[in-house]
Amino acid sequence: MEPTTHPTHPPKDDPFTAEELAKYDGKDENVPVYVAIKGQIFDVTPKREMYSPGKGYSIFAGKDASRALGMSSLKAEDANADYSTLDEKQMKVLDDWVAYYTKRYNIVGKLVK
């Protein structure tokens, strides 16, 4: 299936802390929506309707959702950056998500400590 959105800008590596990333959680219509995976921050604003509060993927907005994506989980407690305990199958799922997002969304930065 061909993506309905595509990156329109070269990837950036602007540093974001978790606190800065949290500001891009979809709650303010005037602010872009960002999701991080394995430290890469993607601008998912073109699909804002999926990440807005109360929507299916809202738990990922403004966070590094690596663990939840690898586990195929929509539980808020799983939406965090620590994917160190994922098994081989879950790591494959996570890597597939990175590829999926990379084909569809602009990379706007990287998560830093």
N, C-alpha and C. Protein backbone atom coordinates (compact mmCIF):
# COMPACT_ATOMS: atom_id res chain seq x y z
N MET A 1 0.83 -1.18 0.00
CA MET A 1 0.00 0.00 0.00
C MET A 1 0.88 1.25 0.00
N GLU A 2 0.60 2.15 -0.90
CA GLU A 2 1.37 3.39 -1.03
C GLU A 2 1.02 4.34 0.11
N PRO A 3 2.03 4.97 0.74
CA PRO A 3 1.75 5.91 1.82
C PRO A 3 0.91 7.09 1.32
N THR A 4 0.05 7.59 2.18
CA THR A 4 -0.75 8.76 1.82
C THR A 4 -0.03 10.06 2.17
N THR A 5 1.01 9.97 2.98
CA THR A 5 1.85 11.12 3.28
C THR A 5 3.29 10.74 2.98
N HIS A 6 4.12 11.73 2.72
CA HIS A 6 5.53 11.51 2.41
C HIS A 6 6.36 12.60 3.07
N PRO A 7 7.61 12.28 3.42
CA PRO A 7 8.48 13.35 3.94
C PRO A 7 8.65 14.43 2.87
N THR A 8 8.66 15.68 3.28
CA THR A 8 8.83 16.78 2.35
C THR A 8 10.10 17.57 2.61
N HIS A 9 10.83 17.23 3.67
CA HIS A 9 12.06 17.94 4.02
C HIS A 9 13.14 16.92 4.37
N PRO A 10 14.40 17.29 4.18
CA PRO A 10 15.48 16.40 4.62
C PRO A 10 15.41 16.20 6.14
N PRO A 11 15.86 15.04 6.62
CA PRO A 11 15.84 14.80 8.08
C PRO A 11 16.67 15.85 8.83
N LYS A 12 16.18 16.23 9.99
CA LYS A 12 16.91 17.13 10.87
C LYS A 12 17.34 16.35 12.11
N ASP A 13 18.33 16.87 12.80
CA ASP A 13 18.75 16.23 14.05
C ASP A 13 18.75 17.23 15.20
N ASP A 14 17.81 18.19 15.13
CA ASP A 14 17.67 19.16 16.22
C ASP A 14 17.43 18.42 17.54
N PRO A 15 18.14 18.78 18.59
CA PRO A 15 17.96 18.08 19.88
C PRO A 15 16.69 18.52 20.60
N PHE A 16 15.98 17.55 21.14
CA PHE A 16 14.80 17.78 21.97
C PHE A 16 14.96 16.97 23.25
N THR A 17 14.65 17.57 24.38
CA THR A 17 14.56 16.79 25.61
C THR A 17 13.16 16.19 25.67
N ALA A 18 12.95 15.26 26.57
CA ALA A 18 11.61 14.67 26.74
C ALA A 18 10.60 15.75 27.13
N GLU A 19 11.05 16.72 27.93
CA GLU A 19 10.16 17.80 28.36
C GLU A 19 9.76 18.67 27.16
N GLU A 20 10.70 18.94 26.27
CA GLU A 20 10.39 19.74 25.07
C GLU A 20 9.45 18.96 24.14
N LEU A 21 9.74 17.68 23.95
CA LEU A 21 8.91 16.84 23.10
C LEU A 21 7.47 16.79 23.59
N ALA A 22 7.30 16.79 24.90
CA ALA A 22 5.96 16.69 25.50
C ALA A 22 5.04 17.85 25.09
N LYS A 23 5.62 18.97 24.66
CA LYS A 23 4.82 20.12 24.23
C LYS A 23 4.11 19.87 22.90
N TYR A 24 4.52 18.84 22.19
CA TYR A 24 3.99 18.52 20.86
C TYR A 24 3.04 17.33 20.95
N ASP A 25 2.10 17.41 21.89
CA ASP A 25 1.25 16.26 22.22
C ASP A 25 -0.13 16.27 21.56
N GLY A 26 -0.35 17.22 20.65
CA GLY A 26 -1.62 17.25 19.92
C GLY A 26 -2.74 18.00 20.61
N LYS A 27 -2.50 18.52 21.79
CA LYS A 27 -3.57 19.20 22.52
C LYS A 27 -3.82 20.62 22.01
N ASP A 28 -2.80 21.26 21.45
CA ASP A 28 -2.93 22.61 20.91
C ASP A 28 -2.95 22.52 19.39
N GLU A 29 -4.06 22.90 18.78
CA GLU A 29 -4.23 22.82 17.32
C GLU A 29 -3.20 23.66 16.56
N ASN A 30 -2.58 24.62 17.23
CA ASN A 30 -1.61 25.51 16.59
C ASN A 30 -0.18 25.02 16.69
N VAL A 31 0.03 23.87 17.31
CA VAL A 31 1.36 23.31 17.51
C VAL A 31 1.42 21.97 16.78
N PRO A 32 2.54 21.69 16.10
CA PRO A 32 2.66 20.38 15.43
C PRO A 32 2.56 19.22 16.42
N VAL A 33 2.32 18.03 15.89
CA VAL A 33 2.27 16.81 16.71
C VAL A 33 3.50 15.97 16.37
N TYR A 34 4.27 15.62 17.40
CA TYR A 34 5.49 14.83 17.20
C TYR A 34 5.40 13.51 17.96
N VAL A 35 5.99 12.49 17.36
CA VAL A 35 6.14 11.18 17.99
C VAL A 35 7.59 10.76 17.78
N ALA A 36 8.23 10.28 18.84
CA ALA A 36 9.60 9.78 18.73
C ALA A 36 9.60 8.26 18.74
N ILE A 37 10.49 7.69 17.95
CA ILE A 37 10.70 6.25 17.93
C ILE A 37 12.21 6.01 17.87
N LYS A 38 12.70 5.26 18.83
CA LYS A 38 14.14 4.98 18.94
C LYS A 38 14.94 6.28 18.86
N GLY A 39 14.39 7.33 19.49
CA GLY A 39 15.09 8.60 19.59
C GLY A 39 14.91 9.54 18.42
N GLN A 40 14.38 9.07 17.29
CA GLN A 40 14.10 9.94 16.15
C GLN A 40 12.72 10.57 16.33
N ILE A 41 12.61 11.85 16.08
CA ILE A 41 11.34 12.55 16.27
C ILE A 41 10.70 12.82 14.92
N PHE A 42 9.48 12.33 14.78
CA PHE A 42 8.73 12.45 13.53
C PHE A 42 7.60 13.46 13.70
N ASP A 43 7.39 14.28 12.67
CA ASP A 43 6.28 15.23 12.65
C ASP A 43 5.08 14.51 12.03
N VAL A 44 4.14 14.10 12.87
CA VAL A 44 2.96 13.35 12.41
C VAL A 44 1.76 14.27 12.22
N THR A 45 2.00 15.57 12.18
CA THR A 45 0.92 16.55 12.02
C THR A 45 0.02 16.26 10.81
N PRO A 46 0.56 15.76 9.67
CA PRO A 46 -0.34 15.48 8.55
C PRO A 46 -1.47 14.49 8.89
N LYS A 47 -1.27 13.70 9.94
CA LYS A 47 -2.29 12.75 10.40
C LYS A 47 -2.74 13.11 11.81
N ARG A 48 -2.80 14.40 12.09
CA ARG A 48 -3.17 14.90 13.42
C ARG A 48 -4.42 14.21 13.97
N GLU A 49 -5.38 13.95 13.08
CA GLU A 49 -6.64 13.36 13.53
C GLU A 49 -6.45 12.01 14.23
N MET A 50 -5.33 11.34 13.98
CA MET A 50 -5.07 10.04 14.62
C MET A 50 -4.36 10.18 15.97
N TYR A 51 -3.77 11.36 16.21
CA TYR A 51 -2.95 11.56 17.41
C TYR A 51 -3.55 12.57 18.39
N SER A 52 -4.67 13.17 18.03
CA SER A 52 -5.32 14.16 18.90
C SER A 52 -5.85 13.50 20.17
N PRO A 53 -6.03 14.27 21.24
CA PRO A 53 -6.56 13.71 22.48
C PRO A 53 -7.84 12.90 22.24
N GLY A 54 -7.88 11.72 22.83
CA GLY A 54 -9.04 10.85 22.70
C GLY A 54 -9.01 9.94 21.49
N LYS A 55 -8.05 10.13 20.59
CA LYS A 55 -7.96 9.30 19.38
C LYS A 55 -7.03 8.11 19.63
N GLY A 56 -7.06 7.16 18.71
CA GLY A 56 -6.36 5.89 18.87
C GLY A 56 -4.88 5.96 19.21
N TYR A 57 -4.17 6.90 18.58
CA TYR A 57 -2.72 6.97 18.80
C TYR A 57 -2.32 8.15 19.69
N SER A 58 -3.26 8.73 20.39
CA SER A 58 -2.96 9.90 21.21
C SER A 58 -1.93 9.60 22.30
N ILE A 59 -1.84 8.36 22.75
CA ILE A 59 -0.86 8.04 23.80
C ILE A 59 0.57 8.17 23.32
N PHE A 60 0.79 8.16 21.99
CA PHE A 60 2.14 8.29 21.44
C PHE A 60 2.57 9.74 21.28
N ALA A 61 1.61 10.66 21.16
CA ALA A 61 1.89 12.06 20.84
C ALA A 61 2.70 12.73 21.95
N GLY A 62 3.79 13.37 21.55
CA GLY A 62 4.63 14.08 22.50
C GLY A 62 5.54 13.18 23.32
N LYS A 63 5.70 11.93 22.88
CA LYS A 63 6.52 10.96 23.63
C LYS A 63 7.38 10.14 22.68
N ASP A 64 8.35 9.46 23.27
CA ASP A 64 9.04 8.39 22.55
C ASP A 64 8.23 7.13 22.83
N ALA A 65 7.58 6.62 21.81
CA ALA A 65 6.65 5.50 21.95
C ALA A 65 7.28 4.16 21.59
N SER A 66 8.60 4.07 21.61
CA SER A 66 9.30 2.88 21.15
C SER A 66 8.80 1.58 21.78
N ARG A 67 8.74 1.55 23.09
CA ARG A 67 8.34 0.31 23.77
C ARG A 67 6.92 -0.11 23.36
N ALA A 68 5.98 0.82 23.38
CA ALA A 68 4.59 0.50 23.03
C ALA A 68 4.49 0.01 21.59
N LEU A 69 5.19 0.67 20.67
CA LEU A 69 5.13 0.24 19.28
C LEU A 69 5.71 -1.16 19.10
N GLY A 70 6.83 -1.43 19.75
CA GLY A 70 7.42 -2.77 19.66
C GLY A 70 6.53 -3.85 20.23
N MET A 71 5.76 -3.48 21.26
CA MET A 71 4.86 -4.44 21.91
C MET A 71 3.47 -4.46 21.26
N SER A 72 3.26 -3.60 20.26
CA SER A 72 1.93 -3.43 19.66
C SER A 72 0.89 -3.12 20.74
N SER A 73 1.26 -2.20 21.63
CA SER A 73 0.43 -1.84 22.77
C SER A 73 -0.11 -0.43 22.64
N LEU A 74 -1.35 -0.25 23.03
CA LEU A 74 -1.93 1.09 23.10
C LEU A 74 -2.14 1.53 24.55
N LYS A 75 -1.41 0.91 25.47
CA LYS A 75 -1.48 1.27 26.89
C LYS A 75 -0.53 2.43 27.16
N ALA A 76 -1.04 3.46 27.81
CA ALA A 76 -0.25 4.66 28.09
C ALA A 76 1.05 4.32 28.84
N GLU A 77 0.98 3.36 29.76
CA GLU A 77 2.18 3.03 30.54
C GLU A 77 3.29 2.40 29.70
N ASP A 78 2.94 1.88 28.53
CA ASP A 78 3.95 1.28 27.65
C ASP A 78 4.58 2.30 26.70
N ALA A 79 4.00 3.48 26.60
CA ALA A 79 4.50 4.51 25.68
C ALA A 79 5.69 5.21 26.30
N ASN A 80 6.85 4.57 26.21
CA ASN A 80 8.08 5.17 26.71
C ASN A 80 9.26 4.73 25.86
N ALA A 81 10.40 5.36 26.10
CA ALA A 81 11.58 5.18 25.27
C ALA A 81 12.35 3.90 25.55
N ASP A 82 12.09 3.23 26.67
CA ASP A 82 12.90 2.07 27.05
C ASP A 82 12.42 0.81 26.34
N TYR A 83 13.13 0.46 25.28
CA TYR A 83 12.80 -0.76 24.56
C TYR A 83 13.83 -1.86 24.80
N SER A 84 14.62 -1.71 25.84
CA SER A 84 15.72 -2.65 26.13
C SER A 84 15.24 -4.05 26.48
N THR A 85 14.00 -4.20 26.92
CA THR A 85 13.51 -5.52 27.31
C THR A 85 12.69 -6.20 26.20
N LEU A 86 12.59 -5.56 25.04
CA LEU A 86 11.85 -6.19 23.95
C LEU A 86 12.59 -7.41 23.44
N ASP A 87 11.82 -8.45 23.09
CA ASP A 87 12.45 -9.64 22.54
C ASP A 87 12.72 -9.43 21.04
N GLU A 88 13.30 -10.43 20.40
CA GLU A 88 13.70 -10.31 19.00
C GLU A 88 12.51 -10.01 18.08
N LYS A 89 11.40 -10.68 18.31
CA LYS A 89 10.20 -10.46 17.50
C LYS A 89 9.68 -9.03 17.68
N GLN A 90 9.66 -8.55 18.93
CA GLN A 90 9.20 -7.20 19.21
C GLN A 90 10.15 -6.15 18.62
N MET A 91 11.45 -6.43 18.61
CA MET A 91 12.42 -5.52 18.00
C MET A 91 12.17 -5.41 16.49
N LYS A 92 11.82 -6.52 15.86
CA LYS A 92 11.50 -6.50 14.43
C LYS A 92 10.27 -5.62 14.19
N VAL A 93 9.25 -5.76 15.04
CA VAL A 93 8.05 -4.93 14.92
C VAL A 93 8.43 -3.46 15.08
N LEU A 94 9.27 -3.15 16.07
CA LEU A 94 9.70 -1.78 16.31
C LEU A 94 10.45 -1.24 15.09
N ASP A 95 11.36 -2.02 14.55
CA ASP A 95 12.12 -1.58 13.38
C ASP A 95 11.20 -1.37 12.17
N ASP A 96 10.17 -2.20 12.05
CA ASP A 96 9.18 -2.01 10.99
C ASP A 96 8.44 -0.69 11.16
N TRP A 97 8.15 -0.31 12.40
CA TRP A 97 7.50 0.97 12.66
C TRP A 97 8.41 2.13 12.28
N VAL A 98 9.70 2.01 12.59
CA VAL A 98 10.64 3.07 12.21
C VAL A 98 10.63 3.23 10.69
N ALA A 99 10.67 2.13 9.97
CA ALA A 99 10.65 2.19 8.50
C ALA A 99 9.34 2.82 8.01
N TYR A 100 8.23 2.44 8.63
CA TYR A 100 6.92 2.97 8.25
C TYR A 100 6.88 4.48 8.42
N TYR A 101 7.29 4.96 9.59
CA TYR A 101 7.27 6.40 9.87
C TYR A 101 8.25 7.15 8.98
N THR A 102 9.42 6.57 8.73
CA THR A 102 10.43 7.21 7.90
C THR A 102 9.93 7.46 6.48
N LYS A 103 9.12 6.55 5.96
CA LYS A 103 8.57 6.71 4.62
C LYS A 103 7.46 7.74 4.56
N ARG A 104 6.87 8.07 5.69
CA ARG A 104 5.66 8.89 5.70
C ARG A 104 5.81 10.29 6.30
N TYR A 105 6.74 10.46 7.22
CA TYR A 105 6.79 11.70 7.98
C TYR A 105 8.18 12.31 8.00
N ASN A 106 8.22 13.63 8.14
CA ASN A 106 9.49 14.34 8.28
C ASN A 106 10.12 14.02 9.63
N ILE A 107 11.41 13.83 9.63
CA ILE A 107 12.18 13.69 10.88
C ILE A 107 12.62 15.10 11.26
N VAL A 108 12.19 15.54 12.44
CA VAL A 108 12.42 16.92 12.84
C VAL A 108 13.46 17.06 13.96
N GLY A 109 13.92 15.95 14.49
CA GLY A 109 14.90 16.04 15.55
C GLY A 109 15.22 14.71 16.16
N LYS A 110 15.98 14.79 17.24
CA LYS A 110 16.35 13.58 17.99
C LYS A 110 16.18 13.86 19.47
N LEU A 111 15.84 12.82 20.18
CA LEU A 111 15.64 12.91 21.61
C LEU A 111 16.99 12.85 22.31
N VAL A 112 17.21 13.78 23.21
CA VAL A 112 18.46 13.82 23.99
C VAL A 112 18.11 13.79 25.47
N LYS A 113 19.06 13.38 26.27
CA LYS A 113 18.84 13.29 27.72
C LYS A 113 19.05 14.64 28.36
